[in-house]
Amino acid sequence: MILEVKNATFGYSHTPLFSKVSFRLKAGEILAILGPNGSGKTTLLKCLMRILPLQEGSISPIAHIGYLPQKIQTTFSYDVLNVVLMGRASFVPLFGVPSKNDYQKALNALATLHISHFKKRSFPSLSHGEQQLVMIARSLASDAQVLLCDEPTSALDLHNQHTILRLLRRLASKENKCILFTTHNPQHALSIADKSLLFLPSHETRYGLPSQVITPQSLHESFGLTLDFMKDARGRIIIVPPLTFED
């Protein structure tokens, strides 16, 4: 077991945000975290990174965590190779410089994501989708066992959404990474996740297989929408939002 969370509880000013969240993940598994705005998805990721302390519960120790934020801030015009190389910072001694091994790790990460041709480009000059790929490469260069991705497909067009989702699935299946990502789109969870965690009202959650957690009833309870569930020719579930606008 690479990651185990038991009865995690957190809130602000004695008001719980989420309560008694529990889940277990192995290497090579993906967890999709869903819920409405303000339900605690990003806060849970911060608790996993030990940025915020739990009020109750426990999180198993994690040697290396990679984090892909929802918003990428760029202050300096570093080239892509140096941005990825920053993932090796914890391996560089104080007042030291990156080693040949550090550079090779960064180059290998770019090659794994098929973006070696970006290495000399200025990071701010890239599109948002390209920047997302570079940040994932930085996490890979850090030898992270666990990747935490906060809404990795937000503000991306359909092509780039597909690219990111396919990449996350490949990193789990081929690189044996444990991946957690937050999303507002239950279709993404059904497409690539092994497990799902759904935030519900009253600080409750549901956890399990996506097909068991993501149901018309649970999504109505979480998002307040009545959604149609259909199956395509391959038997995959397709979620269709309501298209009527009558009161």
C-alpha atoms as a PDB file:
ATOM      1  CA  MET A   1       0.000   0.000   0.000  1.00  0.00           C
ATOM      2  CA  ILE A   2       1.561   3.310  -1.075  1.00  0.00           C
ATOM      3  CA  LEU A   3      -0.999   5.722   0.406  1.00  0.00           C
ATOM      4  CA  GLU A   4      -3.524   5.225   3.185  1.00  0.00           C
ATOM      5  CA  VAL A   5      -5.764   7.901   4.670  1.00  0.00           C
ATOM      6  CA  LYS A   6      -7.803   7.102   7.782  1.00  0.00           C
ATOM      7  CA  ASN A   7     -10.676   9.225   9.112  1.00  0.00           C
ATOM      8  CA  ALA A   8      -9.167  12.489   7.819  1.00  0.00           C
ATOM      9  CA  THR A   9     -11.074  15.489   9.179  1.00  0.00           C
ATOM     10  CA  PHE A  10     -10.420  19.176   8.527  1.00  0.00           C
ATOM     11  CA  GLY A  11     -12.275  22.451   8.922  1.00  0.00           C
ATOM     12  CA  TYR A  12     -11.931  26.151   9.609  1.00  0.00           C
ATOM     13  CA  SER A  13     -13.014  27.880  12.840  1.00  0.00           C
ATOM     14  CA  HIS A  14     -14.447  24.646  14.227  1.00  0.00           C
ATOM     15  CA  THR A  15     -16.647  24.225  11.127  1.00  0.00           C
ATOM     16  CA  PRO A  16     -15.829  20.893   9.413  1.00  0.00           C
ATOM     17  CA  LEU A  17     -15.006  21.026   5.707  1.00  0.00           C
ATOM     18  CA  PHE A  18     -14.764  17.270   5.368  1.00  0.00           C
ATOM     19  CA  SER A  19     -15.065  14.550   7.982  1.00  0.00           C
ATOM     20  CA  LYS A  20     -13.718  10.996   8.368  1.00  0.00           C
ATOM     21  CA  VAL A  21     -12.340  10.660   4.827  1.00  0.00           C
ATOM     22  CA  SER A  22     -10.700   7.271   4.342  1.00  0.00           C
ATOM     23  CA  PHE A  23      -9.137   5.612   1.294  1.00  0.00           C
ATOM     24  CA  ARG A  24      -6.286   3.300   0.286  1.00  0.00           C
ATOM     25  CA  LEU A  25      -4.281   3.342  -2.936  1.00  0.00           C
ATOM     26  CA  LYS A  26      -1.613   1.110  -4.399  1.00  0.00           C
ATOM     27  CA  ALA A  27       1.126   1.979  -6.863  1.00  0.00           C
ATOM     28  CA  GLY A  28      -0.327   2.169 -10.351  1.00  0.00           C
ATOM     29  CA  GLU A  29      -3.786   3.283  -9.193  1.00  0.00           C
ATOM     30  CA  ILE A  30      -5.638   6.524  -9.947  1.00  0.00           C
ATOM     31  CA  LEU A  31      -8.077   8.199  -7.566  1.00  0.00           C
ATOM     32  CA  ALA A  32     -10.502  10.792  -8.950  1.00  0.00           C
ATOM     33  CA  ILE A  33     -11.740  13.301  -6.357  1.00  0.00           C
ATOM     34  CA  LEU A  34     -15.055  14.960  -7.237  1.00  0.00           C
ATOM     35  CA  GLY A  35     -17.351  17.464  -5.604  1.00  0.00           C
ATOM     36  CA  PRO A  36     -18.822  20.948  -5.939  1.00  0.00           C
ATOM     37  CA  ASN A  37     -16.822  24.138  -5.445  1.00  0.00           C
ATOM     38  CA  GLY A  38     -15.821  24.674  -1.835  1.00  0.00           C
ATOM     39  CA  SER A  39     -16.367  21.070  -0.796  1.00  0.00           C
ATOM     40  CA  GLY A  40     -12.725  20.510   0.189  1.00  0.00           C
ATOM     41  CA  LYS A  41     -11.041  18.850  -2.799  1.00  0.00           C
ATOM     42  CA  THR A  42      -8.025  21.173  -2.973  1.00  0.00           C
ATOM     43  CA  THR A  43      -7.862  21.360   0.811  1.00  0.00           C
ATOM     44  CA  LEU A  44      -7.565  17.581   0.976  1.00  0.00           C
ATOM     45  CA  LEU A  45      -4.592  17.728  -1.408  1.00  0.00           C
ATOM     46  CA  LYS A  46      -2.948  20.327   0.855  1.00  0.00           C
ATOM     47  CA  CYS A  47      -3.479  18.024   3.825  1.00  0.00           C
ATOM     48  CA  LEU A  48      -1.854  15.167   1.911  1.00  0.00           C
ATOM     49  CA  MET A  49       1.158  17.433   1.293  1.00  0.00           C
ATOM     50  CA  ARG A  50       1.250  18.376   5.010  1.00  0.00           C
ATOM     51  CA  ILE A  51       0.674  22.039   4.137  1.00  0.00           C
ATOM     52  CA  LEU A  52      -2.443  21.952   6.319  1.00  0.00           C
ATOM     53  CA  PRO A  53      -2.645  19.768   9.448  1.00  0.00           C
ATOM     54  CA  LEU A  54      -5.532  17.370   9.914  1.00  0.00           C
ATOM     55  CA  GLN A  55      -7.751  17.972  12.913  1.00  0.00           C
ATOM     56  CA  GLU A  56      -8.339  14.245  13.196  1.00  0.00           C
ATOM     57  CA  GLY A  57      -7.188  11.129  11.394  1.00  0.00           C
ATOM     58  CA  SER A  58      -3.916  10.059   9.818  1.00  0.00           C
ATOM     59  CA  ILE A  59      -2.054   9.946   6.499  1.00  0.00           C
ATOM     60  CA  SER A  60       0.626   7.359   5.814  1.00  0.00           C
ATOM     61  CA  PRO A  61       4.141   8.760   5.226  1.00  0.00           C
ATOM     62  CA  ILE A  62       4.981   9.508   1.587  1.00  0.00           C
ATOM     63  CA  ALA A  63       8.640   9.805   0.549  1.00  0.00           C
ATOM     64  CA  HIS A  64       8.195  12.016  -2.518  1.00  0.00           C
ATOM     65  CA  ILE A  65       5.068  13.849  -3.679  1.00  0.00           C
ATOM     66  CA  GLY A  66       4.683  15.643  -7.000  1.00  0.00           C
ATOM     67  CA  TYR A  67       2.117  18.448  -7.186  1.00  0.00           C
ATOM     68  CA  LEU A  68       0.442  19.928 -10.250  1.00  0.00           C
ATOM     69  CA  PRO A  69      -1.367  23.124  -9.173  1.00  0.00           C
ATOM     70  CA  GLN A  70      -4.540  24.387 -10.771  1.00  0.00           C
ATOM     71  CA  LYS A  71      -2.924  27.741 -11.568  1.00  0.00           C
ATOM     72  CA  ILE A  72       0.682  27.927 -12.714  1.00  0.00           C
ATOM     73  CA  GLN A  73       2.513  31.102 -11.686  1.00  0.00           C
ATOM     74  CA  THR A  74       5.451  32.211 -13.834  1.00  0.00           C
ATOM     75  CA  THR A  75       7.678  34.994 -12.507  1.00  0.00           C
ATOM     76  CA  PHE A  76      10.920  34.398 -14.396  1.00  0.00           C
ATOM     77  CA  SER A  77      11.431  33.346 -17.996  1.00  0.00           C
ATOM     78  CA  TYR A  78      13.158  30.016 -17.337  1.00  0.00           C
ATOM     79  CA  ASP A  79      13.554  27.579 -20.181  1.00  0.00           C
ATOM     80  CA  VAL A  80      11.673  24.292 -19.954  1.00  0.00           C
ATOM     81  CA  LEU A  81      14.708  22.171 -19.056  1.00  0.00           C
ATOM     82  CA  ASN A  82      15.442  24.354 -16.026  1.00  0.00           C
ATOM     83  CA  VAL A  83      11.808  24.252 -14.910  1.00  0.00           C
ATOM     84  CA  VAL A  84      11.887  20.443 -14.999  1.00  0.00           C
ATOM     85  CA  LEU A  85      15.293  20.461 -13.303  1.00  0.00           C
ATOM     86  CA  MET A  86      13.688  22.266 -10.343  1.00  0.00           C
ATOM     87  CA  GLY A  87      12.082  18.931  -9.541  1.00  0.00           C
ATOM     88  CA  ARG A  88      15.553  17.769  -8.473  1.00  0.00           C
ATOM     89  CA  ALA A  89      15.997  20.611  -5.947  1.00  0.00           C
ATOM     90  CA  SER A  90      15.636  18.351  -2.897  1.00  0.00           C
ATOM     91  CA  PHE A  91      18.525  16.199  -4.178  1.00  0.00           C
ATOM     92  CA  VAL A  92      20.957  19.121  -4.632  1.00  0.00           C
ATOM     93  CA  PRO A  93      23.139  20.007  -1.596  1.00  0.00           C
ATOM     94  CA  LEU A  94      22.951  23.488  -0.091  1.00  0.00           C
ATOM     95  CA  PHE A  95      25.074  25.834  -2.241  1.00  0.00           C
ATOM     96  CA  GLY A  96      25.535  22.932  -4.677  1.00  0.00           C
ATOM     97  CA  VAL A  97      24.664  22.638  -8.343  1.00  0.00           C
ATOM     98  CA  PRO A  98      22.647  19.967 -10.156  1.00  0.00           C
ATOM     99  CA  SER A  99      24.667  16.881 -11.037  1.00  0.00           C
ATOM    100  CA  LYS A 100      24.863  15.054 -14.358  1.00  0.00           C
ATOM    101  CA  ASN A 101      22.381  12.575 -12.885  1.00  0.00           C
ATOM    102  CA  ASP A 102      19.963  15.419 -12.093  1.00  0.00           C
ATOM    103  CA  TYR A 103      20.163  16.678 -15.675  1.00  0.00           C
ATOM    104  CA  GLN A 104      19.658  13.160 -16.996  1.00  0.00           C
ATOM    105  CA  LYS A 105      16.579  12.695 -14.778  1.00  0.00           C
ATOM    106  CA  ALA A 106      15.127  15.929 -16.189  1.00  0.00           C
ATOM    107  CA  LEU A 107      15.867  14.887 -19.772  1.00  0.00           C
ATOM    108  CA  ASN A 108      14.375  11.441 -19.158  1.00  0.00           C
ATOM    109  CA  ALA A 109      11.200  13.016 -17.773  1.00  0.00           C
ATOM    110  CA  LEU A 110      10.827  15.172 -20.884  1.00  0.00           C
ATOM    111  CA  ALA A 111      11.403  12.116 -23.075  1.00  0.00           C
ATOM    112  CA  THR A 112       8.808  10.074 -21.169  1.00  0.00           C
ATOM    113  CA  LEU A 113       6.196  12.726 -21.945  1.00  0.00           C
ATOM    114  CA  HIS A 114       7.410  13.095 -25.555  1.00  0.00           C
ATOM    115  CA  ILE A 115       8.185  16.801 -25.078  1.00  0.00           C
ATOM    116  CA  SER A 116      11.985  16.813 -25.413  1.00  0.00           C
ATOM    117  CA  HIS A 117      11.581  19.356 -28.209  1.00  0.00           C
ATOM    118  CA  PHE A 118      10.336  21.871 -25.596  1.00  0.00           C
ATOM    119  CA  LYS A 119      13.542  21.864 -23.541  1.00  0.00           C
ATOM    120  CA  LYS A 120      15.025  25.129 -24.869  1.00  0.00           C
ATOM    121  CA  ARG A 121      11.740  27.013 -25.097  1.00  0.00           C
ATOM    122  CA  SER A 122      10.785  29.702 -22.604  1.00  0.00           C
ATOM    123  CA  PHE A 123       8.257  28.278 -20.143  1.00  0.00           C
ATOM    124  CA  PRO A 124       5.968  31.376 -20.188  1.00  0.00           C
ATOM    125  CA  SER A 125       5.770  31.146 -23.999  1.00  0.00           C
ATOM    126  CA  LEU A 126       4.033  27.757 -23.827  1.00  0.00           C
ATOM    127  CA  SER A 127       0.290  27.265 -23.946  1.00  0.00           C
ATOM    128  CA  HIS A 128      -1.489  26.282 -20.731  1.00  0.00           C
ATOM    129  CA  GLY A 129      -1.748  22.679 -21.889  1.00  0.00           C
ATOM    130  CA  GLU A 130       1.966  22.558 -22.726  1.00  0.00           C
ATOM    131  CA  GLN A 131       2.806  24.068 -19.336  1.00  0.00           C
ATOM    132  CA  GLN A 132       0.764  21.322 -17.672  1.00  0.00           C
ATOM    133  CA  LEU A 133       2.882  18.705 -19.443  1.00  0.00           C
ATOM    134  CA  VAL A 134       6.090  20.400 -18.307  1.00  0.00           C
ATOM    135  CA  MET A 135       4.899  20.515 -14.697  1.00  0.00           C
ATOM    136  CA  ILE A 136       4.091  16.804 -14.824  1.00  0.00           C
ATOM    137  CA  ALA A 137       7.607  16.216 -16.186  1.00  0.00           C
ATOM    138  CA  ARG A 138       8.992  18.167 -13.231  1.00  0.00           C
ATOM    139  CA  SER A 139       7.112  15.847 -10.871  1.00  0.00           C
ATOM    140  CA  LEU A 140       8.539  12.813 -12.670  1.00  0.00           C
ATOM    141  CA  ALA A 141      12.060  14.217 -12.405  1.00  0.00           C
ATOM    142  CA  SER A 142      11.604  14.449  -8.632  1.00  0.00           C
ATOM    143  CA  ASP A 143      11.132  10.651  -8.441  1.00  0.00           C
ATOM    144  CA  ALA A 144       7.718  11.272  -6.892  1.00  0.00           C
ATOM    145  CA  GLN A 145       5.844   8.134  -5.891  1.00  0.00           C
ATOM    146  CA  VAL A 146       2.570  10.031  -5.681  1.00  0.00           C
ATOM    147  CA  LEU A 147       1.290  12.707  -8.082  1.00  0.00           C
ATOM    148  CA  LEU A 148      -1.363  15.148  -6.863  1.00  0.00           C
ATOM    149  CA  CYS A 149      -3.091  16.994  -9.708  1.00  0.00           C
ATOM    150  CA  ASP A 150      -5.508  19.821  -8.912  1.00  0.00           C
ATOM    151  CA  GLU A 151      -8.033  20.027 -11.772  1.00  0.00           C
ATOM    152  CA  PRO A 152      -5.399  19.181 -14.414  1.00  0.00           C
ATOM    153  CA  THR A 153      -7.861  19.584 -17.302  1.00  0.00           C
ATOM    154  CA  SER A 154      -9.350  22.930 -16.264  1.00  0.00           C
ATOM    155  CA  ALA A 155      -9.218  25.635 -18.972  1.00  0.00           C
ATOM    156  CA  LEU A 156      -8.029  23.109 -21.575  1.00  0.00           C
ATOM    157  CA  ASP A 157      -9.680  22.397 -24.911  1.00  0.00           C
ATOM    158  CA  LEU A 158     -10.948  18.894 -25.696  1.00  0.00           C
ATOM    159  CA  HIS A 159      -7.741  17.801 -27.416  1.00  0.00           C
ATOM    160  CA  ASN A 160      -5.522  18.855 -24.502  1.00  0.00           C
ATOM    161  CA  GLN A 161      -7.937  17.364 -21.962  1.00  0.00           C
ATOM    162  CA  HIS A 162      -7.633  14.042 -23.766  1.00  0.00           C
ATOM    163  CA  THR A 163      -3.838  14.384 -23.864  1.00  0.00           C
ATOM    164  CA  ILE A 164      -3.578  14.994 -20.108  1.00  0.00           C
ATOM    165  CA  LEU A 165      -6.032  12.236 -19.148  1.00  0.00           C
ATOM    166  CA  ARG A 166      -4.324   9.703 -21.417  1.00  0.00           C
ATOM    167  CA  LEU A 167      -0.951  10.699 -19.971  1.00  0.00           C
ATOM    168  CA  LEU A 168      -2.120  10.250 -16.369  1.00  0.00           C
ATOM    169  CA  ARG A 169      -3.441   6.796 -17.193  1.00  0.00           C
ATOM    170  CA  ARG A 170      -0.158   5.882 -18.895  1.00  0.00           C
ATOM    171  CA  LEU A 171       1.926   7.119 -15.949  1.00  0.00           C
ATOM    172  CA  ALA A 172      -0.110   4.958 -13.597  1.00  0.00           C
ATOM    173  CA  SER A 173      -0.076   1.870 -15.818  1.00  0.00           C
ATOM    174  CA  LYS A 174       3.460   2.074 -17.241  1.00  0.00           C
ATOM    175  CA  GLU A 175       5.415   4.055 -14.622  1.00  0.00           C
ATOM    176  CA  ASN A 176       3.559   2.596 -11.606  1.00  0.00           C
ATOM    177  CA  LYS A 177       2.725   6.050 -10.224  1.00  0.00           C
ATOM    178  CA  CYS A 178      -0.031   6.589  -7.682  1.00  0.00           C
ATOM    179  CA  ILE A 179      -2.109   9.508  -8.995  1.00  0.00           C
ATOM    180  CA  LEU A 180      -4.832  11.591  -7.358  1.00  0.00           C
ATOM    181  CA  PHE A 181      -6.634  14.234  -9.389  1.00  0.00           C
ATOM    182  CA  THR A 182      -9.521  16.565  -8.623  1.00  0.00           C
ATOM    183  CA  THR A 183     -12.190  17.221 -11.211  1.00  0.00           C
ATOM    184  CA  HIS A 184     -15.698  18.562 -11.726  1.00  0.00           C
ATOM    185  CA  ASN A 185     -16.261  16.142 -14.590  1.00  0.00           C
ATOM    186  CA  PRO A 186     -17.500  12.687 -13.518  1.00  0.00           C
ATOM    187  CA  GLN A 187     -16.900  11.430 -17.063  1.00  0.00           C
ATOM    188  CA  HIS A 188     -13.161  11.827 -16.484  1.00  0.00           C
ATOM    189  CA  ALA A 189     -13.377   9.667 -13.382  1.00  0.00           C
ATOM    190  CA  LEU A 190     -15.259   6.956 -15.243  1.00  0.00           C
ATOM    191  CA  SER A 191     -12.731   7.111 -18.089  1.00  0.00           C
ATOM    192  CA  ILE A 192      -9.397   6.694 -16.285  1.00  0.00           C
ATOM    193  CA  ALA A 193      -9.810   6.256 -12.517  1.00  0.00           C
ATOM    194  CA  ASP A 194      -9.503   3.028 -10.542  1.00  0.00           C
ATOM    195  CA  LYS A 195     -11.192   4.564  -7.481  1.00  0.00           C
ATOM    196  CA  SER A 196     -13.349   7.637  -6.883  1.00  0.00           C
ATOM    197  CA  LEU A 197     -13.931   9.860  -3.867  1.00  0.00           C
ATOM    198  CA  LEU A 198     -17.096  11.977  -4.048  1.00  0.00           C
ATOM    199  CA  PHE A 199     -17.725  14.863  -1.651  1.00  0.00           C
ATOM    200  CA  LEU A 200     -21.344  15.112  -0.525  1.00  0.00           C
ATOM    201  CA  PRO A 201     -23.253  17.692   1.539  1.00  0.00           C
ATOM    202  CA  SER A 202     -22.972  17.550   5.333  1.00  0.00           C
ATOM    203  CA  HIS A 203     -19.199  16.921   5.065  1.00  0.00           C
ATOM    204  CA  GLU A 204     -19.700  13.300   3.997  1.00  0.00           C
ATOM    205  CA  THR A 205     -17.883  11.397   1.244  1.00  0.00           C
ATOM    206  CA  ARG A 206     -18.323   8.230  -0.774  1.00  0.00           C
ATOM    207  CA  TYR A 207     -15.365   6.123  -1.830  1.00  0.00           C
ATOM    208  CA  GLY A 208     -15.038   3.058  -4.032  1.00  0.00           C
ATOM    209  CA  LEU A 209     -15.059   1.926  -7.634  1.00  0.00           C
ATOM    210  CA  PRO A 210     -16.115   4.726 -10.020  1.00  0.00           C
ATOM    211  CA  SER A 211     -19.086   2.711 -11.269  1.00  0.00           C
ATOM    212  CA  GLN A 212     -20.316   2.323  -7.692  1.00  0.00           C
ATOM    213  CA  VAL A 213     -19.626   5.867  -6.494  1.00  0.00           C
ATOM    214  CA  ILE A 214     -20.710   7.797  -9.594  1.00  0.00           C
ATOM    215  CA  THR A 215     -24.428   7.155  -9.901  1.00  0.00           C
ATOM    216  CA  PRO A 216     -27.393   9.366 -10.850  1.00  0.00           C
ATOM    217  CA  GLN A 217     -28.423   9.459  -7.194  1.00  0.00           C
ATOM    218  CA  SER A 218     -25.010  10.375  -5.773  1.00  0.00           C
ATOM    219  CA  LEU A 219     -24.348  13.077  -8.388  1.00  0.00           C
ATOM    220  CA  HIS A 220     -27.773  14.582  -7.722  1.00  0.00           C
ATOM    221  CA  GLU A 221     -26.963  14.609  -4.027  1.00  0.00           C
ATOM    222  CA  SER A 222     -23.562  16.227  -4.600  1.00  0.00           C
ATOM    223  CA  PHE A 223     -24.231  18.665  -7.460  1.00  0.00           C
ATOM    224  CA  GLY A 224     -28.024  19.065  -7.344  1.00  0.00           C
ATOM    225  CA  LEU A 225     -28.456  17.962 -10.967  1.00  0.00           C
ATOM    226  CA  THR A 226     -30.537  15.210 -12.491  1.00  0.00           C
ATOM    227  CA  LEU A 227     -28.268  13.508 -15.031  1.00  0.00           C
ATOM    228  CA  ASP A 228     -28.987  10.808 -17.587  1.00  0.00           C
ATOM    229  CA  PHE A 229     -26.703   7.766 -17.654  1.00  0.00           C
ATOM    230  CA  MET A 230     -26.431   5.917 -20.976  1.00  0.00           C
ATOM    231  CA  LYS A 231     -24.172   3.220 -22.411  1.00  0.00           C
ATOM    232  CA  ASP A 232     -22.332   3.388 -25.715  1.00  0.00           C
ATOM    233  CA  ALA A 233     -21.749   0.481 -28.102  1.00  0.00           C
ATOM    234  CA  ARG A 234     -18.814  -0.716 -25.986  1.00  0.00           C
ATOM    235  CA  GLY A 235     -20.835  -0.685 -22.775  1.00  0.00           C
ATOM    236  CA  ARG A 236     -19.127   2.409 -21.372  1.00  0.00           C
ATOM    237  CA  ILE A 237     -21.220   4.782 -19.267  1.00  0.00           C
ATOM    238  CA  ILE A 238     -21.896   8.175 -20.839  1.00  0.00           C
ATOM    239  CA  ILE A 239     -23.239  10.953 -18.608  1.00  0.00           C
ATOM    240  CA  VAL A 240     -25.630  13.371 -20.296  1.00  0.00           C
ATOM    241  CA  PRO A 241     -26.521  16.656 -18.543  1.00  0.00           C
ATOM    242  CA  PRO A 242     -30.076  18.009 -18.675  1.00  0.00           C
ATOM    243  CA  LEU A 243     -30.728  20.209 -21.695  1.00  0.00           C
ATOM    244  CA  THR A 244     -34.136  21.573 -20.757  1.00  0.00           C
ATOM    245  CA  PHE A 245     -34.344  25.023 -19.228  1.00  0.00           C
ATOM    246  CA  GLU A 246     -37.906  25.020 -18.004  1.00  0.00           C
ATOM    247  CA  ASP A 247     -38.678  26.038 -14.430  1.00  0.00           C
END
